[in-house]
């Protein structure tokens, strides 16, 4: 009786797999992917619709995750309190929307797209495990960002010096989480599209 080949174990925390350590999809995982180059996606007959919409959602997340640390640095470098007062609600609003949209998008991926891909394309099991691991890391960073946003002062009363110090303290706490999220999104979203869009184009 022929035995099934042994199943390899996927180690997410390995440097080639972890979202904060990898520089690309590893060669081993890339062998499991469908070969449709990014340049060819827009001309594919199945790109219009779900796949295109997915890339648009990702573009919105990337734009927001880039803007949040940029605006936070602008507040830190603002020359006067009027500029800080104008930036503070924009930062808080954008940050809140980003956290909400990212959690919602990941929920749809985790409970709809990834299970469907795994059922239809079992060879994507390890790439999808990598993306699932990414989502767990991203959830932690989104929680850190949300905590910093809750502590971020949108409107501050009192003497000018106290107002400036309050906004600068809020920005100092917010900026590391915002910068970390932006770096993770760039790596994760690029890799996720390389894994999932070619699979979508086969549906």
N, C-alpha and C. Protein backbone atom coordinates (compact mmCIF):
# COMPACT_ATOMS: atom_id res chain seq x y z
N UNK A 1 0.85 -1.19 0.00
CA UNK A 1 0.00 0.00 0.00
C UNK A 1 0.89 1.25 0.00
N UNK A 2 0.63 2.13 -0.96
CA UNK A 2 1.47 3.32 -1.09
C UNK A 2 1.09 4.34 -0.03
N UNK A 3 2.12 4.89 0.60
CA UNK A 3 1.88 5.90 1.62
C UNK A 3 1.86 7.28 0.99
N UNK A 4 1.04 8.16 1.59
CA UNK A 4 1.04 9.55 1.15
C UNK A 4 2.37 10.18 1.52
N UNK A 5 2.85 11.13 0.70
CA UNK A 5 4.10 11.80 1.05
C UNK A 5 3.93 12.59 2.34
N UNK A 6 4.99 12.71 3.14
CA UNK A 6 4.89 13.45 4.39
C UNK A 6 4.53 14.92 4.14
N UNK A 7 3.69 15.46 4.99
CA UNK A 7 3.29 16.86 4.86
C UNK A 7 4.35 17.76 5.50
N UNK A 8 4.80 18.75 4.76
CA UNK A 8 5.75 19.69 5.32
C UNK A 8 5.04 20.65 6.27
N UNK A 9 5.77 21.11 7.25
CA UNK A 9 5.22 22.03 8.25
C UNK A 9 5.62 23.44 7.88
N UNK A 10 4.67 24.34 7.89
CA UNK A 10 4.95 25.74 7.58
C UNK A 10 5.29 26.47 8.88
N UNK A 11 6.45 27.14 8.91
CA UNK A 11 6.90 27.88 10.09
C UNK A 11 6.78 29.38 9.77
N UNK A 12 5.75 30.01 10.30
CA UNK A 12 5.55 31.43 9.96
C UNK A 12 6.67 32.30 10.50
N UNK A 13 7.18 31.99 11.69
CA UNK A 13 8.19 32.85 12.32
C UNK A 13 9.57 32.73 11.70
N UNK A 14 9.74 31.88 10.69
CA UNK A 14 11.02 31.80 9.99
C UNK A 14 11.28 33.11 9.26
N UNK A 15 12.54 33.52 9.14
CA UNK A 15 12.85 34.80 8.50
C UNK A 15 12.29 34.94 7.09
N UNK A 16 12.21 33.84 6.34
CA UNK A 16 11.70 33.91 4.98
C UNK A 16 10.19 34.12 4.91
N UNK A 17 9.49 33.96 6.05
CA UNK A 17 8.03 33.98 6.04
C UNK A 17 7.41 35.13 6.82
N UNK A 18 8.05 35.56 7.90
CA UNK A 18 7.44 36.57 8.77
C UNK A 18 7.39 37.92 8.05
N UNK A 19 6.27 38.60 8.20
CA UNK A 19 6.05 39.84 7.46
C UNK A 19 7.07 40.93 7.80
N UNK A 20 7.62 40.90 9.01
CA UNK A 20 8.60 41.92 9.39
C UNK A 20 10.04 41.50 9.11
N UNK A 21 10.23 40.31 8.56
CA UNK A 21 11.58 39.85 8.25
C UNK A 21 11.79 39.52 6.78
N UNK A 22 10.76 39.07 6.08
CA UNK A 22 10.96 38.68 4.69
C UNK A 22 11.07 39.91 3.80
N UNK A 23 11.78 39.73 2.70
CA UNK A 23 11.91 40.81 1.71
C UNK A 23 11.15 40.50 0.44
N UNK A 24 10.58 39.30 0.36
CA UNK A 24 9.82 38.87 -0.80
C UNK A 24 9.15 37.55 -0.44
N UNK A 25 8.33 37.05 -1.33
CA UNK A 25 7.81 35.69 -1.17
C UNK A 25 8.95 34.73 -1.46
N UNK A 26 9.16 33.78 -0.59
CA UNK A 26 10.29 32.86 -0.77
C UNK A 26 10.13 32.05 -2.05
N UNK A 27 11.26 31.58 -2.57
CA UNK A 27 11.24 30.77 -3.79
C UNK A 27 10.41 29.50 -3.58
N UNK A 28 10.48 28.93 -2.37
CA UNK A 28 9.73 27.71 -2.09
C UNK A 28 8.22 27.96 -2.19
N UNK A 29 7.75 29.05 -1.60
CA UNK A 29 6.32 29.35 -1.68
C UNK A 29 5.92 29.78 -3.09
N UNK A 30 6.80 30.49 -3.77
CA UNK A 30 6.46 30.99 -5.10
C UNK A 30 6.21 29.85 -6.08
N UNK A 31 6.81 28.69 -5.83
CA UNK A 31 6.57 27.55 -6.71
C UNK A 31 5.11 27.09 -6.66
N UNK A 32 4.38 27.44 -5.60
CA UNK A 32 2.98 27.04 -5.46
C UNK A 32 2.03 27.99 -6.18
N UNK A 33 2.52 29.14 -6.62
CA UNK A 33 1.64 30.19 -7.13
C UNK A 33 1.36 30.03 -8.61
N UNK A 34 0.26 30.61 -9.04
CA UNK A 34 -0.06 30.66 -10.46
C UNK A 34 0.77 31.78 -11.09
N UNK A 35 1.30 31.50 -12.26
CA UNK A 35 2.23 32.44 -12.89
C UNK A 35 1.48 33.37 -13.84
N UNK A 36 1.00 34.47 -13.28
CA UNK A 36 0.43 35.56 -14.07
C UNK A 36 1.10 36.83 -13.57
N UNK A 37 1.93 37.46 -14.37
CA UNK A 37 2.70 38.61 -13.90
C UNK A 37 1.78 39.79 -13.64
N UNK A 38 2.18 40.61 -12.69
CA UNK A 38 1.39 41.78 -12.31
C UNK A 38 1.09 42.67 -13.51
N UNK A 39 2.04 42.79 -14.41
CA UNK A 39 1.85 43.64 -15.58
C UNK A 39 0.72 43.14 -16.47
N UNK A 40 0.42 41.85 -16.41
CA UNK A 40 -0.61 41.27 -17.28
C UNK A 40 -2.00 41.26 -16.62
N UNK A 41 -2.08 41.59 -15.34
CA UNK A 41 -3.39 41.52 -14.68
C UNK A 41 -4.45 42.40 -15.33
N UNK A 42 -4.16 43.69 -15.60
CA UNK A 42 -5.23 44.56 -16.10
C UNK A 42 -5.80 44.11 -17.44
N UNK A 43 -5.00 43.44 -18.26
CA UNK A 43 -5.50 43.01 -19.57
C UNK A 43 -6.16 41.65 -19.54
N UNK A 44 -6.16 41.00 -18.37
CA UNK A 44 -6.77 39.67 -18.28
C UNK A 44 -8.30 39.81 -18.33
N UNK A 45 -8.99 38.94 -19.07
CA UNK A 45 -10.45 39.09 -19.20
C UNK A 45 -11.21 38.95 -17.89
N UNK A 46 -10.61 38.32 -16.88
CA UNK A 46 -11.32 38.15 -15.60
C UNK A 46 -10.90 39.18 -14.55
N UNK A 47 -10.05 40.14 -14.92
CA UNK A 47 -9.58 41.12 -13.94
C UNK A 47 -10.67 42.09 -13.54
N UNK A 48 -11.47 42.54 -14.51
CA UNK A 48 -12.53 43.49 -14.20
C UNK A 48 -13.54 42.83 -13.27
N UNK A 49 -13.86 43.51 -12.19
CA UNK A 49 -14.78 42.93 -11.23
C UNK A 49 -14.09 42.72 -9.90
N UNK A 50 -14.16 41.50 -9.37
CA UNK A 50 -13.68 41.21 -8.02
C UNK A 50 -12.20 41.50 -7.86
N UNK A 51 -11.37 41.04 -8.81
CA UNK A 51 -9.93 41.23 -8.67
C UNK A 51 -9.57 42.72 -8.70
N UNK A 52 -10.14 43.46 -9.63
CA UNK A 52 -9.84 44.89 -9.72
C UNK A 52 -10.32 45.62 -8.46
N UNK A 53 -11.51 45.26 -7.99
CA UNK A 53 -12.05 45.89 -6.78
C UNK A 53 -11.12 45.63 -5.59
N UNK A 54 -10.60 44.41 -5.51
CA UNK A 54 -9.69 44.05 -4.41
C UNK A 54 -8.44 44.92 -4.44
N UNK A 55 -7.87 45.12 -5.64
CA UNK A 55 -6.67 45.95 -5.73
C UNK A 55 -6.99 47.41 -5.40
N UNK A 56 -8.20 47.86 -5.71
CA UNK A 56 -8.60 49.22 -5.36
C UNK A 56 -8.72 49.39 -3.85
N UNK A 57 -9.29 48.39 -3.17
CA UNK A 57 -9.36 48.43 -1.71
C UNK A 57 -7.95 48.48 -1.13
N UNK A 58 -7.07 47.67 -1.65
CA UNK A 58 -5.68 47.67 -1.18
C UNK A 58 -5.01 49.02 -1.41
N UNK A 59 -5.26 49.62 -2.56
CA UNK A 59 -4.67 50.94 -2.85
C UNK A 59 -5.15 51.98 -1.84
N UNK A 60 -6.43 51.91 -1.48
CA UNK A 60 -6.95 52.83 -0.48
C UNK A 60 -6.29 52.64 0.88
N UNK A 61 -6.10 51.39 1.28
CA UNK A 61 -5.42 51.12 2.55
C UNK A 61 -3.98 51.63 2.52
N UNK A 62 -3.29 51.41 1.42
CA UNK A 62 -1.90 51.85 1.31
C UNK A 62 -1.80 53.37 1.32
N UNK A 63 -2.72 54.05 0.64
CA UNK A 63 -2.71 55.51 0.63
C UNK A 63 -2.94 56.06 2.04
N UNK A 64 -3.89 55.47 2.75
CA UNK A 64 -4.18 55.92 4.11
C UNK A 64 -3.02 55.63 5.06
N UNK A 65 -2.43 54.44 4.93
CA UNK A 65 -1.34 54.07 5.84
C UNK A 65 -0.08 54.90 5.58
N UNK A 66 0.07 55.42 4.36
CA UNK A 66 1.19 56.32 4.06
C UNK A 66 0.90 57.73 4.57
N UNK A 67 -0.36 58.16 4.45
CA UNK A 67 -0.71 59.52 4.86
C UNK A 67 -0.66 59.71 6.36
N UNK A 68 -1.04 58.68 7.13
CA UNK A 68 -1.13 58.85 8.58
C UNK A 68 0.22 59.22 9.21
N UNK A 69 1.30 58.50 8.97
CA UNK A 69 2.57 58.95 9.56
C UNK A 69 3.06 60.27 8.97
N UNK A 70 2.75 60.51 7.69
CA UNK A 70 3.17 61.77 7.07
C UNK A 70 2.49 62.96 7.76
N UNK A 71 1.19 62.85 8.00
CA UNK A 71 0.47 63.92 8.68
C UNK A 71 0.94 64.07 10.13
N UNK A 72 1.26 62.96 10.77
CA UNK A 72 1.73 63.01 12.16
C UNK A 72 3.07 63.73 12.24
N UNK A 73 3.95 63.47 11.28
CA UNK A 73 5.23 64.20 11.25
C UNK A 73 5.01 65.68 10.96
N UNK A 74 4.04 65.99 10.10
CA UNK A 74 3.73 67.40 9.84
C UNK A 74 3.29 68.11 11.11
N UNK A 75 2.49 67.43 11.93
CA UNK A 75 2.07 68.03 13.20
C UNK A 75 3.27 68.27 14.10
N UNK A 76 4.20 67.31 14.15
CA UNK A 76 5.38 67.47 14.98
C UNK A 76 6.24 68.67 14.53
N UNK A 77 6.20 68.94 13.23
CA UNK A 77 7.04 70.01 12.67
C UNK A 77 6.27 71.31 12.46
N UNK A 78 5.00 71.35 12.88
CA UNK A 78 4.17 72.53 12.63
C UNK A 78 4.75 73.75 13.34
N UNK A 79 4.66 74.89 12.66
CA UNK A 79 5.27 76.11 13.19
C UNK A 79 4.38 76.81 14.21
N UNK A 80 3.07 76.57 14.17
CA UNK A 80 2.18 77.28 15.08
C UNK A 80 1.03 76.37 15.50
N UNK A 81 0.29 76.84 16.52
CA UNK A 81 -0.79 76.05 17.09
C UNK A 81 -1.98 75.92 16.13
N UNK A 82 -2.18 76.92 15.28
CA UNK A 82 -3.29 76.83 14.33
C UNK A 82 -3.09 75.64 13.38
N UNK A 83 -1.86 75.45 12.94
CA UNK A 83 -1.56 74.33 12.05
C UNK A 83 -1.76 73.00 12.79
N UNK A 84 -1.35 72.95 14.04
CA UNK A 84 -1.53 71.73 14.84
C UNK A 84 -3.02 71.44 15.05
N UNK A 85 -3.78 72.49 15.36
CA UNK A 85 -5.21 72.32 15.58
C UNK A 85 -5.91 71.84 14.31
N UNK A 86 -5.43 72.29 13.14
CA UNK A 86 -6.03 71.85 11.88
C UNK A 86 -5.68 70.39 11.57
N UNK A 87 -4.48 69.99 11.92
CA UNK A 87 -4.03 68.63 11.60
C UNK A 87 -4.60 67.57 12.55
N UNK A 88 -4.77 67.92 13.81
CA UNK A 88 -5.14 66.94 14.82
C UNK A 88 -6.42 66.17 14.47
N UNK A 89 -7.54 66.84 14.12
CA UNK A 89 -8.74 66.06 13.78
C UNK A 89 -8.60 65.26 12.50
N UNK A 90 -7.80 65.74 11.56
CA UNK A 90 -7.56 64.98 10.33
C UNK A 90 -6.82 63.68 10.65
N UNK A 91 -5.82 63.77 11.51
CA UNK A 91 -5.06 62.58 11.91
C UNK A 91 -5.96 61.59 12.63
N UNK A 92 -6.75 62.09 13.58
CA UNK A 92 -7.63 61.19 14.35
C UNK A 92 -8.67 60.54 13.44
N UNK A 93 -9.25 61.32 12.53
CA UNK A 93 -10.26 60.78 11.63
C UNK A 93 -9.70 59.74 10.68
N UNK A 94 -8.55 60.06 10.07
CA UNK A 94 -7.93 59.11 9.14
C UNK A 94 -7.51 57.84 9.86
N UNK A 95 -6.93 57.99 11.04
CA UNK A 95 -6.49 56.81 11.79
C UNK A 95 -7.65 55.91 12.16
N UNK A 96 -8.74 56.49 12.60
CA UNK A 96 -9.91 55.69 12.95
C UNK A 96 -10.49 54.96 11.76
N UNK A 97 -10.58 55.64 10.63
CA UNK A 97 -11.08 55.00 9.40
C UNK A 97 -10.16 53.87 8.96
N UNK A 98 -8.86 54.10 9.06
CA UNK A 98 -7.89 53.09 8.63
C UNK A 98 -8.01 51.82 9.46
N UNK A 99 -8.09 51.97 10.78
CA UNK A 99 -8.24 50.80 11.65
C UNK A 99 -9.52 50.05 11.33
N UNK A 100 -10.61 50.78 11.18
CA UNK A 100 -11.91 50.16 10.91
C UNK A 100 -11.90 49.42 9.57
N UNK A 101 -11.42 50.07 8.52
CA UNK A 101 -11.42 49.46 7.19
C UNK A 101 -10.47 48.26 7.12
N UNK A 102 -9.31 48.36 7.77
CA UNK A 102 -8.35 47.25 7.74
C UNK A 102 -8.93 46.03 8.43
N UNK A 103 -9.52 46.20 9.60
CA UNK A 103 -10.12 45.07 10.31
C UNK A 103 -11.25 44.46 9.47
N UNK A 104 -12.09 45.29 8.88
CA UNK A 104 -13.19 44.78 8.07
C UNK A 104 -12.71 44.02 6.86
N UNK A 105 -11.70 44.55 6.19
CA UNK A 105 -11.17 43.89 5.00
C UNK A 105 -10.53 42.55 5.36
N UNK A 106 -9.77 42.52 6.44
CA UNK A 106 -9.13 41.27 6.85
C UNK A 106 -10.17 40.23 7.27
N UNK A 107 -11.26 40.67 7.88
CA UNK A 107 -12.33 39.73 8.24
C UNK A 107 -12.90 39.06 7.00
N UNK A 108 -13.15 39.84 5.95
CA UNK A 108 -13.68 39.28 4.71
C UNK A 108 -12.68 38.30 4.09
N UNK A 109 -11.41 38.67 4.09
CA UNK A 109 -10.39 37.77 3.54
C UNK A 109 -10.32 36.47 4.34
N UNK A 110 -10.27 36.60 5.66
CA UNK A 110 -10.10 35.42 6.52
C UNK A 110 -11.28 34.46 6.44
N UNK A 111 -12.49 35.00 6.27
CA UNK A 111 -13.69 34.17 6.35
C UNK A 111 -14.34 33.89 4.99
N UNK A 112 -13.87 34.54 3.95
CA UNK A 112 -14.47 34.32 2.63
C UNK A 112 -13.42 33.92 1.60
N UNK A 113 -12.50 34.83 1.31
CA UNK A 113 -11.56 34.59 0.22
C UNK A 113 -10.60 33.45 0.51
N UNK A 114 -9.91 33.50 1.65
CA UNK A 114 -8.88 32.51 1.91
C UNK A 114 -9.45 31.09 2.00
N UNK A 115 -10.57 30.86 2.70
CA UNK A 115 -11.13 29.50 2.70
C UNK A 115 -11.54 29.03 1.30
N UNK A 116 -12.07 29.95 0.49
CA UNK A 116 -12.46 29.56 -0.87
C UNK A 116 -11.23 29.20 -1.70
N UNK A 117 -10.17 30.00 -1.60
CA UNK A 117 -8.94 29.69 -2.33
C UNK A 117 -8.37 28.35 -1.90
N UNK A 118 -8.37 28.08 -0.59
CA UNK A 118 -7.80 26.84 -0.08
C UNK A 118 -8.59 25.63 -0.59
N UNK A 119 -9.90 25.76 -0.65
CA UNK A 119 -10.72 24.65 -1.14
C UNK A 119 -10.49 24.41 -2.62
N UNK A 120 -10.39 25.48 -3.39
CA UNK A 120 -10.24 25.35 -4.84
C UNK A 120 -8.80 25.05 -5.26
N UNK A 121 -7.85 25.60 -4.52
CA UNK A 121 -6.44 25.49 -4.90
C UNK A 121 -5.62 25.05 -3.68
N UNK A 122 -5.67 23.76 -3.35
CA UNK A 122 -4.96 23.27 -2.14
C UNK A 122 -3.46 23.56 -2.15
N UNK A 123 -2.89 23.74 -3.34
CA UNK A 123 -1.45 24.02 -3.40
C UNK A 123 -1.09 25.37 -2.78
N UNK A 124 -2.09 26.22 -2.54
CA UNK A 124 -1.84 27.53 -1.93
C UNK A 124 -1.86 27.47 -0.40
N UNK A 125 -1.90 26.29 0.17
CA UNK A 125 -2.05 26.17 1.63
C UNK A 125 -0.98 26.95 2.38
N UNK A 126 0.29 26.77 2.02
CA UNK A 126 1.35 27.45 2.77
C UNK A 126 1.38 28.96 2.48
N UNK A 127 1.24 29.40 1.23
CA UNK A 127 1.12 30.85 1.02
C UNK A 127 -0.02 31.47 1.80
N UNK A 128 -1.15 30.77 1.88
CA UNK A 128 -2.28 31.31 2.64
C UNK A 128 -2.00 31.28 4.14
N UNK A 129 -1.25 30.29 4.61
CA UNK A 129 -0.83 30.28 6.01
C UNK A 129 0.04 31.50 6.31
N UNK A 130 0.89 31.86 5.37
CA UNK A 130 1.72 33.03 5.56
C UNK A 130 0.86 34.29 5.69
N UNK A 131 -0.13 34.43 4.81
CA UNK A 131 -1.01 35.60 4.87
C UNK A 131 -1.81 35.62 6.16
N UNK A 132 -2.22 34.45 6.62
CA UNK A 132 -2.94 34.38 7.89
C UNK A 132 -2.04 34.83 9.04
N UNK A 133 -0.78 34.41 9.01
CA UNK A 133 0.16 34.88 10.02
C UNK A 133 0.35 36.38 9.96
N UNK A 134 0.43 36.92 8.74
CA UNK A 134 0.51 38.38 8.57
C UNK A 134 -0.66 39.07 9.24
N UNK A 135 -1.86 38.54 9.04
CA UNK A 135 -3.05 39.17 9.60
C UNK A 135 -3.01 39.20 11.13
N UNK A 136 -2.44 38.18 11.73
CA UNK A 136 -2.32 38.17 13.19
C UNK A 136 -1.35 39.26 13.66
N UNK A 137 -0.24 39.42 12.95
CA UNK A 137 0.70 40.50 13.29
C UNK A 137 0.03 41.85 13.07
N UNK A 138 -0.64 42.01 11.95
CA UNK A 138 -1.31 43.27 11.65
C UNK A 138 -2.39 43.60 12.68
N UNK A 139 -3.09 42.58 13.16
CA UNK A 139 -4.12 42.82 14.18
C UNK A 139 -3.50 43.42 15.44
N UNK A 140 -2.33 42.93 15.82
CA UNK A 140 -1.65 43.47 17.00
C UNK A 140 -1.24 44.93 16.77
N UNK A 141 -0.73 45.21 15.58
CA UNK A 141 -0.29 46.58 15.28
C UNK A 141 -1.50 47.52 15.19
N UNK A 142 -2.58 47.04 14.61
CA UNK A 142 -3.80 47.86 14.55
C UNK A 142 -4.33 48.15 15.94
N UNK A 143 -4.22 47.19 16.85
CA UNK A 143 -4.63 47.43 18.24
C UNK A 143 -3.74 48.49 18.89
N UNK A 144 -2.44 48.42 18.63
CA UNK A 144 -1.52 49.42 19.16
C UNK A 144 -1.85 50.81 18.61
N UNK A 145 -2.15 50.85 17.31
CA UNK A 145 -2.50 52.11 16.68
C UNK A 145 -3.79 52.66 17.27
N UNK A 146 -4.77 51.80 17.47
CA UNK A 146 -6.05 52.24 18.03
C UNK A 146 -5.86 52.79 19.45
N UNK A 147 -5.02 52.14 20.24
CA UNK A 147 -4.75 52.64 21.59
C UNK A 147 -4.10 54.01 21.54
N UNK A 148 -3.16 54.20 20.60
CA UNK A 148 -2.52 55.51 20.46
C UNK A 148 -3.52 56.56 19.99
N UNK A 149 -4.45 56.17 19.13
CA UNK A 149 -5.45 57.11 18.66
C UNK A 149 -6.41 57.51 19.77
N UNK A 150 -6.76 56.56 20.64
CA UNK A 150 -7.64 56.90 21.76
C UNK A 150 -7.00 57.93 22.68
N UNK A 151 -5.69 57.86 22.81
CA UNK A 151 -4.97 58.80 23.69
C UNK A 151 -4.59 60.09 22.96
N UNK A 152 -4.81 60.14 21.65
CA UNK A 152 -4.39 61.30 20.88
C UNK A 152 -5.38 62.45 21.08
N UNK A 153 -4.91 63.64 21.48
CA UNK A 153 -5.83 64.76 21.75
C UNK A 153 -6.25 65.46 20.46
N UNK A 154 -7.54 65.43 20.18
CA UNK A 154 -8.05 66.10 18.98
C UNK A 154 -8.16 67.60 19.23
N UNK A 155 -8.76 67.98 20.33
CA UNK A 155 -8.88 69.38 20.71
C UNK A 155 -8.29 69.54 22.11
N UNK A 156 -7.49 70.57 22.29
CA UNK A 156 -6.82 70.79 23.57
C UNK A 156 -7.08 72.22 24.02
N UNK A 157 -7.49 72.37 25.27
CA UNK A 157 -7.69 73.70 25.85
C UNK A 157 -6.54 74.03 26.78
N UNK A 158 -6.43 75.31 27.11
CA UNK A 158 -5.41 75.71 28.06
C UNK A 158 -4.35 76.60 27.44
N UNK A 159 -3.28 76.85 28.18
CA UNK A 159 -2.20 77.71 27.67
C UNK A 159 -1.55 77.12 26.42
N UNK A 160 -0.98 77.97 25.62
CA UNK A 160 -0.39 77.53 24.35
C UNK A 160 0.67 76.45 24.55
N UNK A 161 1.52 76.63 25.57
CA UNK A 161 2.60 75.66 25.77
C UNK A 161 2.03 74.29 26.12
N UNK A 162 1.00 74.25 26.96
CA UNK A 162 0.39 72.99 27.34
C UNK A 162 -0.29 72.32 26.15
N UNK A 163 -0.92 73.11 25.30
CA UNK A 163 -1.58 72.55 24.11
C UNK A 163 -0.54 71.93 23.19
N UNK A 164 0.55 72.67 22.96
CA UNK A 164 1.61 72.14 22.08
C UNK A 164 2.18 70.84 22.65
N UNK A 165 2.45 70.83 23.94
CA UNK A 165 3.04 69.65 24.55
C UNK A 165 2.09 68.45 24.48
N UNK A 166 0.79 68.70 24.62
CA UNK A 166 -0.18 67.61 24.54
C UNK A 166 -0.22 67.02 23.15
N UNK A 167 -0.23 67.87 22.14
CA UNK A 167 -0.26 67.36 20.76
C UNK A 167 1.05 66.63 20.41
N UNK A 168 2.18 67.18 20.85
CA UNK A 168 3.45 66.54 20.55
C UNK A 168 3.57 65.19 21.26
N UNK A 169 3.07 65.10 22.48
CA UNK A 169 3.10 63.82 23.19
C UNK A 169 2.22 62.80 22.50
N UNK A 170 1.04 63.21 22.04
CA UNK A 170 0.16 62.30 21.31
C UNK A 170 0.79 61.84 20.01
N UNK A 171 1.43 62.76 19.31
CA UNK A 171 2.08 62.40 18.04
C UNK A 171 3.26 61.46 18.27
N UNK A 172 4.00 61.68 19.35
CA UNK A 172 5.15 60.82 19.64
C UNK A 172 4.71 59.38 19.90
N UNK A 173 3.55 59.21 20.53
CA UNK A 173 3.05 57.87 20.79
C UNK A 173 2.46 57.26 19.52
N UNK A 174 1.83 58.08 18.71
CA UNK A 174 1.14 57.57 17.52
C UNK A 174 2.10 57.19 16.39
N UNK A 175 3.15 57.97 16.22
CA UNK A 175 3.99 57.82 15.03
C UNK A 175 4.62 56.43 14.90
N UNK A 176 5.19 55.82 15.94
CA UNK A 176 5.80 54.49 15.74
C UNK A 176 4.81 53.45 15.25
N UNK A 177 3.59 53.44 15.80
CA UNK A 177 2.59 52.48 15.36
C UNK A 177 2.17 52.75 13.92
N UNK A 178 2.03 54.03 13.56
CA UNK A 178 1.63 54.38 12.20
C UNK A 178 2.72 54.00 11.20
N UNK A 179 3.97 54.24 11.54
CA UNK A 179 5.07 53.89 10.64
C UNK A 179 5.19 52.38 10.50
N UNK A 180 5.03 51.67 11.61
CA UNK A 180 5.12 50.21 11.56
C UNK A 180 4.01 49.63 10.70
N UNK A 181 2.79 50.13 10.87
CA UNK A 181 1.67 49.64 10.07
C UNK A 181 1.91 49.89 8.59
N UNK A 182 2.41 51.06 8.25
CA UNK A 182 2.65 51.39 6.84
C UNK A 182 3.66 50.42 6.23
N UNK A 183 4.75 50.15 6.94
CA UNK A 183 5.76 49.22 6.42
C UNK A 183 5.19 47.82 6.27
N UNK A 184 4.38 47.38 7.23
CA UNK A 184 3.79 46.04 7.15
C UNK A 184 2.80 45.95 6.01
N UNK A 185 2.00 46.99 5.82
CA UNK A 185 1.03 46.97 4.72
C UNK A 185 1.73 46.87 3.36
N UNK A 186 2.81 47.61 3.19
CA UNK A 186 3.53 47.57 1.90
C UNK A 186 3.98 46.15 1.59
N UNK A 187 4.58 45.48 2.58
CA UNK A 187 5.05 44.11 2.37
C UNK A 187 3.89 43.15 2.21
N UNK A 188 2.92 43.21 3.13
CA UNK A 188 1.83 42.24 3.15
C UNK A 188 0.94 42.37 1.92
N UNK A 189 0.51 43.57 1.59
CA UNK A 189 -0.43 43.74 0.49
C UNK A 189 0.21 43.36 -0.84
N UNK A 190 1.47 43.75 -1.03
CA UNK A 190 2.14 43.35 -2.27
C UNK A 190 2.21 41.85 -2.43
N UNK A 191 2.58 41.16 -1.35
CA UNK A 191 2.68 39.70 -1.41
C UNK A 191 1.31 39.05 -1.52
N UNK A 192 0.33 39.59 -0.81
CA UNK A 192 -1.02 39.02 -0.87
C UNK A 192 -1.57 39.08 -2.28
N UNK A 193 -1.35 40.18 -2.97
CA UNK A 193 -1.83 40.28 -4.35
C UNK A 193 -1.10 39.29 -5.25
N UNK A 194 0.20 39.12 -5.05
CA UNK A 194 0.95 38.16 -5.87
C UNK A 194 0.42 36.75 -5.69
N UNK A 195 -0.05 36.44 -4.48
CA UNK A 195 -0.58 35.10 -4.20
C UNK A 195 -2.02 34.95 -4.70
N UNK A 196 -2.84 35.95 -4.45
CA UNK A 196 -4.29 35.79 -4.60
C UNK A 196 -4.86 36.29 -5.93
N UNK A 197 -4.32 37.34 -6.49
CA UNK A 197 -4.92 37.85 -7.74
C UNK A 197 -4.81 36.82 -8.86
N UNK A 198 -3.65 36.16 -9.09
CA UNK A 198 -3.62 35.13 -10.13
C UNK A 198 -4.61 33.99 -9.86
N UNK A 199 -4.85 33.69 -8.58
CA UNK A 199 -5.86 32.66 -8.26
C UNK A 199 -7.25 33.18 -8.62
N UNK A 200 -7.53 34.43 -8.32
CA UNK A 200 -8.82 35.03 -8.69
C UNK A 200 -9.05 34.95 -10.20
N UNK A 201 -7.99 35.16 -10.95
CA UNK A 201 -8.12 35.19 -12.41
C UNK A 201 -8.43 33.82 -13.00
N UNK A 202 -8.33 32.79 -12.19
CA UNK A 202 -8.66 31.43 -12.64
C UNK A 202 -10.09 31.04 -12.27
N UNK A 203 -10.79 31.88 -11.51
CA UNK A 203 -12.13 31.54 -11.06
C UNK A 203 -13.14 31.76 -12.18
